[in-house]
Amino acid sequence: MSSQKKSKSSVFPVSRLKKILQSNESVGKIGASVPVVASKAIELFLKEFVDKCF
């Protein structure tokens, strides 16, 4: 079985993403995992976007 190395660090600051998400008045409280998941999703999206550009 191959072992995968999990990245624990985030490319984007989680605290800043949390502030951005909460800046919308319609958004109430958000869970602690939401900014982490959003950061990873943004990272994967941008990586795919850049790869397709070149």
N, C-alpha and C. Protein backbone atom coordinates (compact mmCIF):
# COMPACT_ATOMS: atom_id res chain seq x y z
N MET A 1 0.83 -1.17 0.00
CA MET A 1 0.00 0.00 0.00
C MET A 1 0.89 1.24 0.00
N SER A 2 0.62 2.17 -0.88
CA SER A 2 1.44 3.37 -0.95
C SER A 2 0.97 4.38 0.09
N SER A 3 1.93 5.05 0.67
CA SER A 3 1.57 6.06 1.67
C SER A 3 1.60 7.43 1.02
N GLN A 4 0.59 8.21 1.32
CA GLN A 4 0.51 9.56 0.78
C GLN A 4 0.87 10.55 1.88
N LYS A 5 1.61 11.55 1.49
CA LYS A 5 2.00 12.59 2.43
C LYS A 5 0.93 13.67 2.42
N LYS A 6 0.34 13.93 3.57
CA LYS A 6 -0.70 14.95 3.64
C LYS A 6 -0.07 16.29 3.98
N SER A 7 -0.51 17.29 3.25
CA SER A 7 -0.01 18.64 3.49
C SER A 7 -0.82 19.27 4.61
N LYS A 8 -0.15 19.66 5.68
CA LYS A 8 -0.84 20.26 6.81
C LYS A 8 -0.87 21.78 6.71
N SER A 9 0.04 22.33 5.94
CA SER A 9 0.08 23.78 5.83
C SER A 9 -0.84 24.24 4.71
N SER A 10 -1.34 25.43 4.88
CA SER A 10 -2.25 25.99 3.90
C SER A 10 -1.54 27.10 3.14
N VAL A 11 -1.81 27.17 1.85
CA VAL A 11 -1.21 28.21 1.03
C VAL A 11 -1.80 29.57 1.40
N PHE A 12 -3.09 29.58 1.67
CA PHE A 12 -3.79 30.82 2.00
C PHE A 12 -4.01 30.89 3.51
N PRO A 13 -3.87 32.08 4.09
CA PRO A 13 -4.07 32.21 5.53
C PRO A 13 -5.52 31.92 5.92
N VAL A 14 -5.70 30.93 6.78
CA VAL A 14 -7.03 30.50 7.18
C VAL A 14 -7.78 31.61 7.91
N SER A 15 -7.09 32.37 8.73
CA SER A 15 -7.75 33.44 9.47
C SER A 15 -8.29 34.52 8.52
N ARG A 16 -7.56 34.81 7.47
CA ARG A 16 -8.02 35.81 6.50
C ARG A 16 -9.23 35.29 5.72
N LEU A 17 -9.21 34.01 5.35
CA LEU A 17 -10.36 33.42 4.67
C LEU A 17 -11.59 33.45 5.56
N LYS A 18 -11.40 33.20 6.84
CA LYS A 18 -12.52 33.24 7.79
C LYS A 18 -13.12 34.64 7.84
N LYS A 19 -12.28 35.65 7.87
CA LYS A 19 -12.77 37.04 7.88
C LYS A 19 -13.52 37.37 6.60
N ILE A 20 -13.01 36.90 5.46
CA ILE A 20 -13.67 37.15 4.18
C ILE A 20 -15.03 36.46 4.15
N LEU A 21 -15.08 35.22 4.61
CA LEU A 21 -16.35 34.49 4.61
C LEU A 21 -17.37 35.14 5.54
N GLN A 22 -16.92 35.64 6.68
CA GLN A 22 -17.83 36.25 7.64
C GLN A 22 -18.16 37.69 7.31
N SER A 23 -17.50 38.28 6.32
CA SER A 23 -17.80 39.66 5.96
C SER A 23 -19.17 39.78 5.30
N ASN A 24 -19.67 38.68 4.76
CA ASN A 24 -21.01 38.66 4.18
C ASN A 24 -22.02 38.61 5.32
N GLU A 25 -22.96 39.55 5.31
CA GLU A 25 -23.93 39.64 6.41
C GLU A 25 -24.86 38.44 6.49
N SER A 26 -25.09 37.77 5.37
CA SER A 26 -26.01 36.63 5.38
C SER A 26 -25.36 35.36 5.94
N VAL A 27 -24.05 35.37 6.10
CA VAL A 27 -23.34 34.22 6.64
C VAL A 27 -23.27 34.38 8.16
N GLY A 28 -23.73 33.37 8.85
CA GLY A 28 -23.66 33.39 10.31
C GLY A 28 -22.34 32.81 10.77
N LYS A 29 -22.43 31.98 11.79
CA LYS A 29 -21.23 31.31 12.29
C LYS A 29 -20.80 30.24 11.30
N ILE A 30 -19.50 30.05 11.20
CA ILE A 30 -18.98 29.00 10.33
C ILE A 30 -18.12 28.06 11.17
N GLY A 31 -18.10 26.81 10.78
CA GLY A 31 -17.31 25.82 11.49
C GLY A 31 -15.82 26.04 11.29
N ALA A 32 -15.04 25.48 12.16
CA ALA A 32 -13.58 25.65 12.10
C ALA A 32 -12.98 25.01 10.86
N SER A 33 -13.63 23.99 10.33
CA SER A 33 -13.07 23.30 9.17
C SER A 33 -13.39 24.00 7.85
N VAL A 34 -14.36 24.90 7.85
CA VAL A 34 -14.78 25.55 6.60
C VAL A 34 -13.65 26.35 5.95
N PRO A 35 -12.94 27.23 6.66
CA PRO A 35 -11.85 27.96 6.01
C PRO A 35 -10.72 27.04 5.53
N VAL A 36 -10.48 25.96 6.23
CA VAL A 36 -9.43 25.02 5.84
C VAL A 36 -9.82 24.33 4.53
N VAL A 37 -11.06 23.88 4.44
CA VAL A 37 -11.54 23.21 3.23
C VAL A 37 -11.59 24.20 2.07
N ALA A 38 -12.05 25.43 2.34
CA ALA A 38 -12.11 26.46 1.30
C ALA A 38 -10.71 26.77 0.79
N SER A 39 -9.74 26.84 1.68
CA SER A 39 -8.37 27.12 1.29
C SER A 39 -7.83 26.02 0.37
N LYS A 40 -8.10 24.78 0.72
CA LYS A 40 -7.64 23.66 -0.11
C LYS A 40 -8.34 23.66 -1.46
N ALA A 41 -9.64 23.97 -1.47
CA ALA A 41 -10.39 24.02 -2.73
C ALA A 41 -9.85 25.12 -3.64
N ILE A 42 -9.56 26.28 -3.07
CA ILE A 42 -9.00 27.39 -3.85
C ILE A 42 -7.63 27.01 -4.41
N GLU A 43 -6.83 26.37 -3.57
CA GLU A 43 -5.49 25.95 -4.00
C GLU A 43 -5.58 24.97 -5.17
N LEU A 44 -6.45 23.98 -5.07
CA LEU A 44 -6.59 23.00 -6.15
C LEU A 44 -7.15 23.63 -7.41
N PHE A 45 -8.11 24.54 -7.27
CA PHE A 45 -8.68 25.23 -8.42
C PHE A 45 -7.60 26.03 -9.16
N LEU A 46 -6.83 26.81 -8.41
CA LEU A 46 -5.80 27.63 -9.04
C LEU A 46 -4.71 26.78 -9.69
N LYS A 47 -4.35 25.67 -9.04
CA LYS A 47 -3.33 24.79 -9.61
C LYS A 47 -3.83 24.21 -10.95
N GLU A 48 -5.07 23.77 -10.98
CA GLU A 48 -5.65 23.23 -12.22
C GLU A 48 -5.77 24.32 -13.28
N PHE A 49 -6.17 25.50 -12.88
CA PHE A 49 -6.32 26.63 -13.80
C PHE A 49 -4.99 26.99 -14.45
N VAL A 50 -3.95 27.08 -13.65
CA VAL A 50 -2.63 27.44 -14.16
C VAL A 50 -2.08 26.33 -15.06
N ASP A 51 -2.29 25.08 -14.66
CA ASP A 51 -1.81 23.96 -15.49
C ASP A 51 -2.47 23.96 -16.86
N LYS A 52 -3.74 24.29 -16.93
CA LYS A 52 -4.44 24.31 -18.22
C LYS A 52 -4.05 25.51 -19.06
N CYS A 53 -3.57 26.57 -18.44
CA CYS A 53 -3.14 27.76 -19.18
C CYS A 53 -1.83 27.52 -19.92
N PHE A 54 -1.00 26.64 -19.39
CA PHE A 54 0.30 26.39 -20.01
C PHE A 54 0.26 25.09 -20.68
